[in-house]
Amino acid sequence: MEIKSIINEYVTAKQILNPQNQAYVNVTEDPVFFDALSDLRASERKQLQEVGFLRRNEVADKIINNMQPWYETAGEGKDPVVK
């Protein structure tokens, strides 16, 4: 999936991978990245701040779940419109 590739490139470029285990991302080291997970409930957000890391696949899943859905409409004889 393209989104997971983008996330992996970002965490690599920002060097926020956990140095002891690169399957984990130190999400609190980058405020922009942490805010991408901001749809978490306050209690979950606080817990994440205390722990400070998530598995890569969990990060991608949370960001994808926080994204807005899109849809495509098409009229007869017209090109589809993606929104």
N, C-alpha and C. Protein backbone atom coordinates (compact mmCIF):
# COMPACT_ATOMS: atom_id res chain seq x y z
N MET A 1 0.85 -1.18 0.00
CA MET A 1 0.00 0.00 0.00
C MET A 1 0.89 1.24 0.00
N GLU A 2 0.55 2.23 -0.78
CA GLU A 2 1.36 3.43 -0.94
C GLU A 2 1.48 4.23 0.36
N ILE A 3 0.44 4.30 1.14
CA ILE A 3 0.47 5.08 2.38
C ILE A 3 1.52 4.51 3.34
N LYS A 4 1.58 3.20 3.45
CA LYS A 4 2.57 2.59 4.33
C LYS A 4 3.98 2.90 3.86
N SER A 5 4.20 2.94 2.57
CA SER A 5 5.52 3.30 2.02
C SER A 5 5.88 4.73 2.39
N ILE A 6 4.92 5.63 2.28
CA ILE A 6 5.16 7.03 2.61
C ILE A 6 5.49 7.16 4.10
N ILE A 7 4.77 6.45 4.94
CA ILE A 7 5.02 6.49 6.38
C ILE A 7 6.42 5.95 6.67
N ASN A 8 6.78 4.84 6.05
CA ASN A 8 8.11 4.26 6.27
C ASN A 8 9.22 5.22 5.82
N GLU A 9 9.02 5.88 4.69
CA GLU A 9 10.01 6.86 4.22
C GLU A 9 10.13 8.02 5.21
N TYR A 10 8.99 8.46 5.73
CA TYR A 10 8.99 9.59 6.67
C TYR A 10 9.74 9.24 7.96
N VAL A 11 9.42 8.09 8.55
CA VAL A 11 10.07 7.73 9.81
C VAL A 11 11.57 7.48 9.62
N THR A 12 11.94 7.01 8.46
CA THR A 12 13.36 6.82 8.17
C THR A 12 14.06 8.17 8.00
N ALA A 13 13.45 9.06 7.25
CA ALA A 13 14.04 10.38 7.02
C ALA A 13 14.15 11.19 8.31
N LYS A 14 13.15 11.08 9.17
CA LYS A 14 13.14 11.83 10.43
C LYS A 14 13.93 11.12 11.53
N GLN A 15 14.39 9.92 11.24
CA GLN A 15 15.17 9.12 12.19
C GLN A 15 14.44 8.93 13.52
N ILE A 16 13.18 8.53 13.40
CA ILE A 16 12.39 8.30 14.62
C ILE A 16 12.12 6.81 14.85
N LEU A 17 12.87 5.96 14.17
CA LEU A 17 12.78 4.53 14.44
C LEU A 17 13.47 4.26 15.77
N ASN A 18 12.96 3.30 16.51
CA ASN A 18 13.58 2.92 17.77
C ASN A 18 14.92 2.27 17.47
N PRO A 19 16.03 2.78 18.02
CA PRO A 19 17.34 2.23 17.68
C PRO A 19 17.55 0.80 18.16
N GLN A 20 16.86 0.39 19.22
CA GLN A 20 17.01 -0.98 19.72
C GLN A 20 16.20 -1.99 18.90
N ASN A 21 15.07 -1.55 18.35
CA ASN A 21 14.22 -2.44 17.56
C ASN A 21 13.52 -1.61 16.50
N GLN A 22 13.95 -1.76 15.25
CA GLN A 22 13.43 -0.91 14.18
C GLN A 22 12.03 -1.28 13.72
N ALA A 23 11.41 -2.24 14.39
CA ALA A 23 10.00 -2.53 14.13
C ALA A 23 9.12 -1.54 14.87
N TYR A 24 9.73 -0.69 15.71
CA TYR A 24 9.00 0.29 16.51
C TYR A 24 9.37 1.70 16.10
N VAL A 25 8.38 2.60 16.21
CA VAL A 25 8.58 4.01 15.88
C VAL A 25 8.43 4.81 17.16
N ASN A 26 9.39 5.69 17.43
CA ASN A 26 9.32 6.59 18.58
C ASN A 26 8.43 7.77 18.18
N VAL A 27 7.13 7.61 18.37
CA VAL A 27 6.16 8.56 17.84
C VAL A 27 6.17 9.91 18.54
N THR A 28 6.66 9.98 19.77
CA THR A 28 6.65 11.25 20.48
C THR A 28 7.83 12.14 20.12
N GLU A 29 8.78 11.64 19.35
CA GLU A 29 9.96 12.44 18.98
C GLU A 29 9.67 13.42 17.85
N ASP A 30 8.57 13.26 17.17
CA ASP A 30 8.21 14.15 16.07
C ASP A 30 6.78 14.64 16.29
N PRO A 31 6.61 15.93 16.64
CA PRO A 31 5.27 16.43 16.96
C PRO A 31 4.29 16.33 15.79
N VAL A 32 4.75 16.51 14.57
CA VAL A 32 3.86 16.40 13.41
C VAL A 32 3.35 14.98 13.27
N PHE A 33 4.25 14.04 13.42
CA PHE A 33 3.88 12.62 13.32
C PHE A 33 2.93 12.24 14.45
N PHE A 34 3.22 12.71 15.65
CA PHE A 34 2.36 12.42 16.80
C PHE A 34 0.96 13.00 16.58
N ASP A 35 0.88 14.20 16.00
CA ASP A 35 -0.41 14.81 15.73
C ASP A 35 -1.20 14.06 14.67
N ALA A 36 -0.51 13.34 13.78
CA ALA A 36 -1.21 12.52 12.79
C ALA A 36 -1.98 11.40 13.47
N LEU A 37 -1.59 11.10 14.70
CA LEU A 37 -2.29 10.09 15.50
C LEU A 37 -3.29 10.73 16.44
N SER A 38 -3.59 12.01 16.26
CA SER A 38 -4.34 12.81 17.23
C SER A 38 -5.80 12.43 17.39
N ASP A 39 -6.31 11.55 16.58
CA ASP A 39 -7.70 11.15 16.74
C ASP A 39 -7.88 10.18 17.90
N LEU A 40 -6.80 9.87 18.55
CA LEU A 40 -6.88 9.00 19.72
C LEU A 40 -7.63 9.70 20.84
N ARG A 41 -8.33 8.93 21.66
CA ARG A 41 -8.97 9.51 22.83
C ARG A 41 -7.89 10.05 23.77
N ALA A 42 -8.25 11.02 24.58
CA ALA A 42 -7.27 11.67 25.47
C ALA A 42 -6.54 10.66 26.33
N SER A 43 -7.24 9.65 26.83
CA SER A 43 -6.58 8.65 27.67
C SER A 43 -5.57 7.83 26.88
N GLU A 44 -5.93 7.49 25.63
CA GLU A 44 -4.99 6.75 24.77
C GLU A 44 -3.80 7.62 24.39
N ARG A 45 -4.07 8.89 24.13
CA ARG A 45 -2.99 9.82 23.76
C ARG A 45 -2.00 9.95 24.92
N LYS A 46 -2.52 10.08 26.13
CA LYS A 46 -1.65 10.19 27.30
C LYS A 46 -0.83 8.92 27.49
N GLN A 47 -1.47 7.77 27.30
CA GLN A 47 -0.78 6.50 27.44
C GLN A 47 0.32 6.38 26.38
N LEU A 48 0.03 6.80 25.16
CA LEU A 48 1.02 6.75 24.10
C LEU A 48 2.20 7.68 24.42
N GLN A 49 1.91 8.84 24.99
CA GLN A 49 2.99 9.75 25.38
C GLN A 49 3.88 9.11 26.44
N GLU A 50 3.28 8.37 27.36
CA GLU A 50 4.07 7.72 28.41
C GLU A 50 4.93 6.59 27.84
N VAL A 51 4.37 5.80 26.93
CA VAL A 51 5.10 4.69 26.33
C VAL A 51 6.11 5.23 25.32
N GLY A 52 5.66 6.12 24.42
CA GLY A 52 6.53 6.79 23.49
C GLY A 52 6.78 6.09 22.16
N PHE A 53 6.26 4.89 21.97
CA PHE A 53 6.51 4.19 20.71
C PHE A 53 5.34 3.28 20.36
N LEU A 54 5.27 2.92 19.09
CA LEU A 54 4.29 1.95 18.56
C LEU A 54 4.99 1.11 17.51
N ARG A 55 4.44 -0.09 17.26
CA ARG A 55 4.94 -0.90 16.15
C ARG A 55 4.62 -0.17 14.85
N ARG A 56 5.47 -0.34 13.84
CA ARG A 56 5.27 0.33 12.54
C ARG A 56 3.89 0.07 11.96
N ASN A 57 3.47 -1.20 11.99
CA ASN A 57 2.17 -1.52 11.39
C ASN A 57 1.02 -0.88 12.17
N GLU A 58 1.16 -0.71 13.49
CA GLU A 58 0.13 -0.04 14.28
C GLU A 58 0.04 1.43 13.91
N VAL A 59 1.19 2.06 13.70
CA VAL A 59 1.23 3.47 13.32
C VAL A 59 0.50 3.66 11.99
N ALA A 60 0.85 2.85 11.02
CA ALA A 60 0.21 2.95 9.70
C ALA A 60 -1.30 2.73 9.81
N ASP A 61 -1.71 1.72 10.57
CA ASP A 61 -3.14 1.45 10.72
C ASP A 61 -3.87 2.62 11.36
N LYS A 62 -3.28 3.23 12.40
CA LYS A 62 -3.92 4.36 13.08
C LYS A 62 -4.02 5.57 12.15
N ILE A 63 -2.97 5.85 11.41
CA ILE A 63 -3.02 6.98 10.49
C ILE A 63 -4.05 6.74 9.40
N ILE A 64 -4.08 5.55 8.85
CA ILE A 64 -5.06 5.22 7.81
C ILE A 64 -6.48 5.33 8.36
N ASN A 65 -6.70 4.86 9.57
CA ASN A 65 -8.04 4.96 10.19
C ASN A 65 -8.44 6.39 10.45
N ASN A 66 -7.48 7.29 10.65
CA ASN A 66 -7.79 8.70 10.90
C ASN A 66 -8.02 9.49 9.62
N MET A 67 -7.72 8.90 8.49
CA MET A 67 -7.88 9.61 7.22
C MET A 67 -9.36 9.70 6.84
N GLN A 68 -9.69 10.75 6.12
CA GLN A 68 -11.06 10.93 5.66
C GLN A 68 -11.34 9.98 4.49
N PRO A 69 -12.55 9.45 4.44
CA PRO A 69 -12.89 8.59 3.30
C PRO A 69 -13.05 9.42 2.03
N TRP A 70 -12.92 8.76 0.90
CA TRP A 70 -13.14 9.42 -0.38
C TRP A 70 -14.18 8.61 -1.14
N TYR A 71 -14.74 9.23 -2.14
CA TYR A 71 -15.73 8.54 -2.95
C TYR A 71 -15.65 9.03 -4.38
N GLU A 72 -16.29 8.26 -5.26
CA GLU A 72 -16.30 8.59 -6.67
C GLU A 72 -17.73 8.61 -7.15
N THR A 73 -18.10 9.66 -7.86
CA THR A 73 -19.44 9.73 -8.43
C THR A 73 -19.31 9.78 -9.94
N ALA A 74 -20.26 9.19 -10.61
CA ALA A 74 -20.24 9.18 -12.07
C ALA A 74 -21.67 9.26 -12.59
N GLY A 75 -21.86 10.17 -13.50
CA GLY A 75 -23.15 10.27 -14.17
C GLY A 75 -23.08 9.52 -15.51
N GLU A 76 -24.22 9.17 -16.02
CA GLU A 76 -24.25 8.42 -17.27
C GLU A 76 -23.66 9.27 -18.39
N GLY A 77 -22.65 8.73 -19.05
CA GLY A 77 -21.98 9.40 -20.15
C GLY A 77 -20.99 10.47 -19.72
N LYS A 78 -20.71 10.57 -18.42
CA LYS A 78 -19.77 11.58 -17.92
C LYS A 78 -18.59 10.90 -17.24
N ASP A 79 -17.47 11.62 -17.18
CA ASP A 79 -16.30 11.10 -16.48
C ASP A 79 -16.57 11.09 -14.98
N PRO A 80 -16.04 10.07 -14.29
CA PRO A 80 -16.23 10.04 -12.83
C PRO A 80 -15.47 11.18 -12.15
N VAL A 81 -16.05 11.63 -11.02
CA VAL A 81 -15.44 12.69 -10.21
C VAL A 81 -15.07 12.06 -8.88
N VAL A 82 -13.79 12.20 -8.52
CA VAL A 82 -13.30 11.65 -7.26
C VAL A 82 -13.27 12.79 -6.22
N LYS A 83 -13.85 12.55 -5.08
CA LYS A 83 -13.87 13.55 -4.00
C LYS A 83 -13.33 12.96 -2.74
